[in-house]
Amino acid sequence: MSRAAGRAESQLIVGWDAEPSDVARHVHPHPALSEAVGEVFLTLAGRGLHQR
């Protein structure tokens, strides 16, 4: 998630006086697409973060 998206979600939570169930419907999943793609290329290069 980008910093801007993270700030927007934080402002939504505070400004909206949101309940946890409200926030859960709007939070972006992790990992972001860019993180997933980056992990694939690290793995292909033999340097994956989650390899044994």
PDB file of N, CA and C in Angstrom:
ATOM      1  N   MET A   1       0.849  -1.167   0.000  1.00  0.00           N
ATOM      2  CA  MET A   1       0.000   0.000   0.000  1.00  0.00           C
ATOM      3  C   MET A   1       0.893   1.228   0.000  1.00  0.00           C
ATOM      4  N   SER A   2       0.505   2.200  -0.736  1.00  0.00           N
ATOM      5  CA  SER A   2       1.285   3.427  -0.793  1.00  0.00           C
ATOM      6  C   SER A   2       1.110   4.227   0.492  1.00  0.00           C
ATOM      7  N   ARG A   3       2.045   5.136   0.723  1.00  0.00           N
ATOM      8  CA  ARG A   3       1.927   6.004   1.910  1.00  0.00           C
ATOM      9  C   ARG A   3       0.647   6.826   1.864  1.00  0.00           C
ATOM     10  N   ALA A   4       0.316   7.307   0.669  1.00  0.00           N
ATOM     11  CA  ALA A   4      -0.903   8.117   0.528  1.00  0.00           C
ATOM     12  C   ALA A   4      -2.135   7.309   0.897  1.00  0.00           C
ATOM     13  N   ALA A   5      -2.184   6.058   0.455  1.00  0.00           N
ATOM     14  CA  ALA A   5      -3.332   5.212   0.795  1.00  0.00           C
ATOM     15  C   ALA A   5      -3.374   4.949   2.298  1.00  0.00           C
ATOM     16  N   GLY A   6      -2.225   4.731   2.904  1.00  0.00           N
ATOM     17  CA  GLY A   6      -2.173   4.515   4.352  1.00  0.00           C
ATOM     18  C   GLY A   6      -2.650   5.731   5.125  1.00  0.00           C
ATOM     19  N   ARG A   7      -2.225   6.911   4.675  1.00  0.00           N
ATOM     20  CA  ARG A   7      -2.690   8.150   5.328  1.00  0.00           C
ATOM     21  C   ARG A   7      -4.182   8.328   5.143  1.00  0.00           C
ATOM     22  N   ALA A   8      -4.664   8.047   3.949  1.00  0.00           N
ATOM     23  CA  ALA A   8      -6.092   8.201   3.680  1.00  0.00           C
ATOM     24  C   ALA A   8      -6.903   7.275   4.578  1.00  0.00           C
ATOM     25  N   GLU A   9      -6.445   6.041   4.734  1.00  0.00           N
ATOM     26  CA  GLU A   9      -7.160   5.106   5.601  1.00  0.00           C
ATOM     27  C   GLU A   9      -7.114   5.571   7.050  1.00  0.00           C
ATOM     28  N   SER A  10      -5.966   6.074   7.495  1.00  0.00           N
ATOM     29  CA  SER A  10      -5.858   6.563   8.868  1.00  0.00           C
ATOM     30  C   SER A  10      -6.790   7.742   9.106  1.00  0.00           C
ATOM     31  N   GLN A  11      -6.839   8.665   8.156  1.00  0.00           N
ATOM     32  CA  GLN A  11      -7.721   9.820   8.286  1.00  0.00           C
ATOM     33  C   GLN A  11      -9.184   9.392   8.274  1.00  0.00           C
ATOM     34  N   LEU A  12      -9.492   8.392   7.474  1.00  0.00           N
ATOM     35  CA  LEU A  12     -10.854   7.865   7.432  1.00  0.00           C
ATOM     36  C   LEU A  12     -11.241   7.308   8.798  1.00  0.00           C
ATOM     37  N   ILE A  13     -10.358   6.550   9.389  1.00  0.00           N
ATOM     38  CA  ILE A  13     -10.640   5.925  10.680  1.00  0.00           C
ATOM     39  C   ILE A  13     -10.880   6.985  11.748  1.00  0.00           C
ATOM     40  N   VAL A  14     -10.007   7.979  11.817  1.00  0.00           N
ATOM     41  CA  VAL A  14     -10.113   9.009  12.856  1.00  0.00           C
ATOM     42  C   VAL A  14     -11.271   9.955  12.566  1.00  0.00           C
ATOM     43  N   GLY A  15     -11.350  10.475  11.346  1.00  0.00           N
ATOM     44  CA  GLY A  15     -12.365  11.456  11.001  1.00  0.00           C
ATOM     45  C   GLY A  15     -13.768  10.893  10.951  1.00  0.00           C
ATOM     46  N   TRP A  16     -13.880   9.627  10.682  1.00  0.00           N
ATOM     47  CA  TRP A  16     -15.172   8.982  10.526  1.00  0.00           C
ATOM     48  C   TRP A  16     -15.680   8.458  11.852  1.00  0.00           C
ATOM     49  N   ASP A  17     -14.815   8.431  12.870  1.00  0.00           N
ATOM     50  CA  ASP A  17     -15.151   7.826  14.166  1.00  0.00           C
ATOM     51  C   ASP A  17     -15.636   6.394  13.922  1.00  0.00           C
ATOM     52  N   ALA A  18     -14.863   5.682  13.113  1.00  0.00           N
ATOM     53  CA  ALA A  18     -15.244   4.367  12.616  1.00  0.00           C
ATOM     54  C   ALA A  18     -15.119   3.278  13.681  1.00  0.00           C
ATOM     55  N   GLU A  19     -15.963   2.310  13.555  1.00  0.00           N
ATOM     56  CA  GLU A  19     -15.905   1.093  14.365  1.00  0.00           C
ATOM     57  C   GLU A  19     -14.976   0.101  13.656  1.00  0.00           C
ATOM     58  N   PRO A  20     -14.392  -0.861  14.383  1.00  0.00           N
ATOM     59  CA  PRO A  20     -13.510  -1.834  13.741  1.00  0.00           C
ATOM     60  C   PRO A  20     -14.149  -2.548  12.549  1.00  0.00           C
ATOM     61  N   SER A  21     -15.404  -2.884  12.633  1.00  0.00           N
ATOM     62  CA  SER A  21     -16.059  -3.574  11.519  1.00  0.00           C
ATOM     63  C   SER A  21     -16.148  -2.673  10.287  1.00  0.00           C
ATOM     64  N   ASP A  22     -16.279  -1.352  10.490  1.00  0.00           N
ATOM     65  CA  ASP A  22     -16.300  -0.410   9.372  1.00  0.00           C
ATOM     66  C   ASP A  22     -14.936  -0.361   8.693  1.00  0.00           C
ATOM     67  N   VAL A  23     -13.902  -0.276   9.499  1.00  0.00           N
ATOM     68  CA  VAL A  23     -12.544  -0.180   8.979  1.00  0.00           C
ATOM     69  C   VAL A  23     -12.161  -1.457   8.231  1.00  0.00           C
ATOM     70  N   ALA A  24     -12.551  -2.594   8.743  1.00  0.00           N
ATOM     71  CA  ALA A  24     -12.185  -3.879   8.141  1.00  0.00           C
ATOM     72  C   ALA A  24     -12.661  -3.983   6.697  1.00  0.00           C
ATOM     73  N   ARG A  25     -13.732  -3.324   6.361  1.00  0.00           N
ATOM     74  CA  ARG A  25     -14.250  -3.367   4.981  1.00  0.00           C
ATOM     75  C   ARG A  25     -13.451  -2.493   4.028  1.00  0.00           C
ATOM     76  N   HIS A  26     -12.610  -1.600   4.557  1.00  0.00           N
ATOM     77  CA  HIS A  26     -11.920  -0.629   3.714  1.00  0.00           C
ATOM     78  C   HIS A  26     -10.409  -0.748   3.697  1.00  0.00           C
ATOM     79  N   VAL A  27      -9.838  -1.587   4.523  1.00  0.00           N
ATOM     80  CA  VAL A  27      -8.385  -1.701   4.609  1.00  0.00           C
ATOM     81  C   VAL A  27      -7.882  -2.565   3.454  1.00  0.00           C
ATOM     82  N   HIS A  28      -6.782  -2.146   2.849  1.00  0.00           N
ATOM     83  CA  HIS A  28      -6.195  -2.881   1.730  1.00  0.00           C
ATOM     84  C   HIS A  28      -5.491  -4.135   2.237  1.00  0.00           C
ATOM     85  N   PRO A  29      -5.579  -5.228   1.475  1.00  0.00           N
ATOM     86  CA  PRO A  29      -4.900  -6.452   1.880  1.00  0.00           C
ATOM     87  C   PRO A  29      -3.393  -6.311   1.737  1.00  0.00           C
ATOM     88  N   HIS A  30      -2.696  -7.184   2.423  1.00  0.00           N
ATOM     89  CA  HIS A  30      -1.238  -7.210   2.368  1.00  0.00           C
ATOM     90  C   HIS A  30      -0.839  -8.584   1.878  1.00  0.00           C
ATOM     91  N   PRO A  31       0.109  -8.805   1.035  1.00  0.00           N
ATOM     92  CA  PRO A  31       1.023  -7.797   0.496  1.00  0.00           C
ATOM     93  C   PRO A  31       0.415  -7.057  -0.691  1.00  0.00           C
ATOM     94  N   ALA A  32       0.946  -5.887  -0.908  1.00  0.00           N
ATOM     95  CA  ALA A  32       0.538  -5.117  -2.082  1.00  0.00           C
ATOM     96  C   ALA A  32       1.064  -5.821  -3.328  1.00  0.00           C
ATOM     97  N   LEU A  33       0.482  -5.513  -4.466  1.00  0.00           N
ATOM     98  CA  LEU A  33       0.906  -6.138  -5.714  1.00  0.00           C
ATOM     99  C   LEU A  33       2.398  -5.937  -5.951  1.00  0.00           C
ATOM    100  N   SER A  34       2.901  -4.733  -5.702  1.00  0.00           N
ATOM    101  CA  SER A  34       4.327  -4.470  -5.937  1.00  0.00           C
ATOM    102  C   SER A  34       5.207  -5.323  -5.023  1.00  0.00           C
ATOM    103  N   GLU A  35       4.781  -5.559  -3.790  1.00  0.00           N
ATOM    104  CA  GLU A  35       5.543  -6.415  -2.886  1.00  0.00           C
ATOM    105  C   GLU A  35       5.534  -7.862  -3.357  1.00  0.00           C
ATOM    106  N   ALA A  36       4.392  -8.327  -3.829  1.00  0.00           N
ATOM    107  CA  ALA A  36       4.288  -9.702  -4.317  1.00  0.00           C
ATOM    108  C   ALA A  36       5.168  -9.905  -5.548  1.00  0.00           C
ATOM    109  N   VAL A  37       5.136  -8.951  -6.476  1.00  0.00           N
ATOM    110  CA  VAL A  37       5.968  -9.053  -7.678  1.00  0.00           C
ATOM    111  C   VAL A  37       7.445  -8.994  -7.298  1.00  0.00           C
ATOM    112  N   GLY A  38       7.797  -8.097  -6.406  1.00  0.00           N
ATOM    113  CA  GLY A  38       9.187  -8.004  -5.951  1.00  0.00           C
ATOM    114  C   GLY A  38       9.666  -9.291  -5.315  1.00  0.00           C
ATOM    115  N   GLU A  39       8.833  -9.919  -4.513  1.00  0.00           N
ATOM    116  CA  GLU A  39       9.182 -11.184  -3.874  1.00  0.00           C
ATOM    117  C   GLU A  39       9.401 -12.282  -4.911  1.00  0.00           C
ATOM    118  N   VAL A  40       8.590 -12.299  -5.953  1.00  0.00           N
ATOM    119  CA  VAL A  40       8.765 -13.288  -7.025  1.00  0.00           C
ATOM    120  C   VAL A  40      10.140 -13.140  -7.655  1.00  0.00           C
ATOM    121  N   PHE A  41      10.532 -11.915  -7.979  1.00  0.00           N
ATOM    122  CA  PHE A  41      11.822 -11.722  -8.628  1.00  0.00           C
ATOM    123  C   PHE A  41      12.984 -11.994  -7.682  1.00  0.00           C
ATOM    124  N   LEU A  42      12.848 -11.662  -6.416  1.00  0.00           N
ATOM    125  CA  LEU A  42      13.894 -12.023  -5.447  1.00  0.00           C
ATOM    126  C   LEU A  42      14.038 -13.539  -5.351  1.00  0.00           C
ATOM    127  N   THR A  43      12.925 -14.242  -5.334  1.00  0.00           N
ATOM    128  CA  THR A  43      12.955 -15.702  -5.273  1.00  0.00           C
ATOM    129  C   THR A  43      13.612 -16.279  -6.517  1.00  0.00           C
ATOM    130  N   LEU A  44      13.237 -15.770  -7.678  1.00  0.00           N
ATOM    131  CA  LEU A  44      13.847 -16.247  -8.929  1.00  0.00           C
ATOM    132  C   LEU A  44      15.348 -15.983  -8.968  1.00  0.00           C
ATOM    133  N   ALA A  45      15.786 -14.930  -8.307  1.00  0.00           N
ATOM    134  CA  ALA A  45      17.209 -14.603  -8.241  1.00  0.00           C
ATOM    135  C   ALA A  45      17.923 -15.334  -7.123  1.00  0.00           C
ATOM    136  N   GLY A  46      17.175 -16.201  -6.381  1.00  0.00           N
ATOM    137  CA  GLY A  46      17.778 -16.961  -5.288  1.00  0.00           C
ATOM    138  C   GLY A  46      17.944 -16.174  -4.002  1.00  0.00           C
ATOM    139  N   ARG A  47      17.257 -15.053  -3.896  1.00  0.00           N
ATOM    140  CA  ARG A  47      17.378 -14.202  -2.705  1.00  0.00           C
ATOM    141  C   ARG A  47      16.035 -13.910  -2.060  1.00  0.00           C
ATOM    142  N   GLY A  48      15.085 -14.811  -2.198  1.00  0.00           N
ATOM    143  CA  GLY A  48      13.752 -14.580  -1.648  1.00  0.00           C
ATOM    144  C   GLY A  48      13.783 -14.368  -0.139  1.00  0.00           C
ATOM    145  N   LEU A  49      12.968 -13.467   0.324  1.00  0.00           N
ATOM    146  CA  LEU A  49      12.934 -13.151   1.751  1.00  0.00           C
ATOM    147  C   LEU A  49      12.365 -14.293   2.585  1.00  0.00           C
ATOM    148  N   HIS A  50      11.553 -15.118   1.982  1.00  0.00           N
ATOM    149  CA  HIS A  50      10.867 -16.164   2.734  1.00  0.00           C
ATOM    150  C   HIS A  50      11.323 -17.564   2.329  1.00  0.00           C
ATOM    151  N   GLN A  51      12.556 -17.665   1.884  1.00  0.00           N
ATOM    152  CA  GLN A  51      13.124 -18.968   1.531  1.00  0.00           C
ATOM    153  C   GLN A  51      13.926 -19.501   2.712  1.00  0.00           C
ATOM    154  N   ARG A  52      14.015 -20.814   2.783  1.00  0.00           N
ATOM    155  CA  ARG A  52      14.830 -21.434   3.849  1.00  0.00           C
ATOM    156  C   ARG A  52      16.249 -21.549   3.423  1.00  0.00           C
TER     157      ARG A  52
END
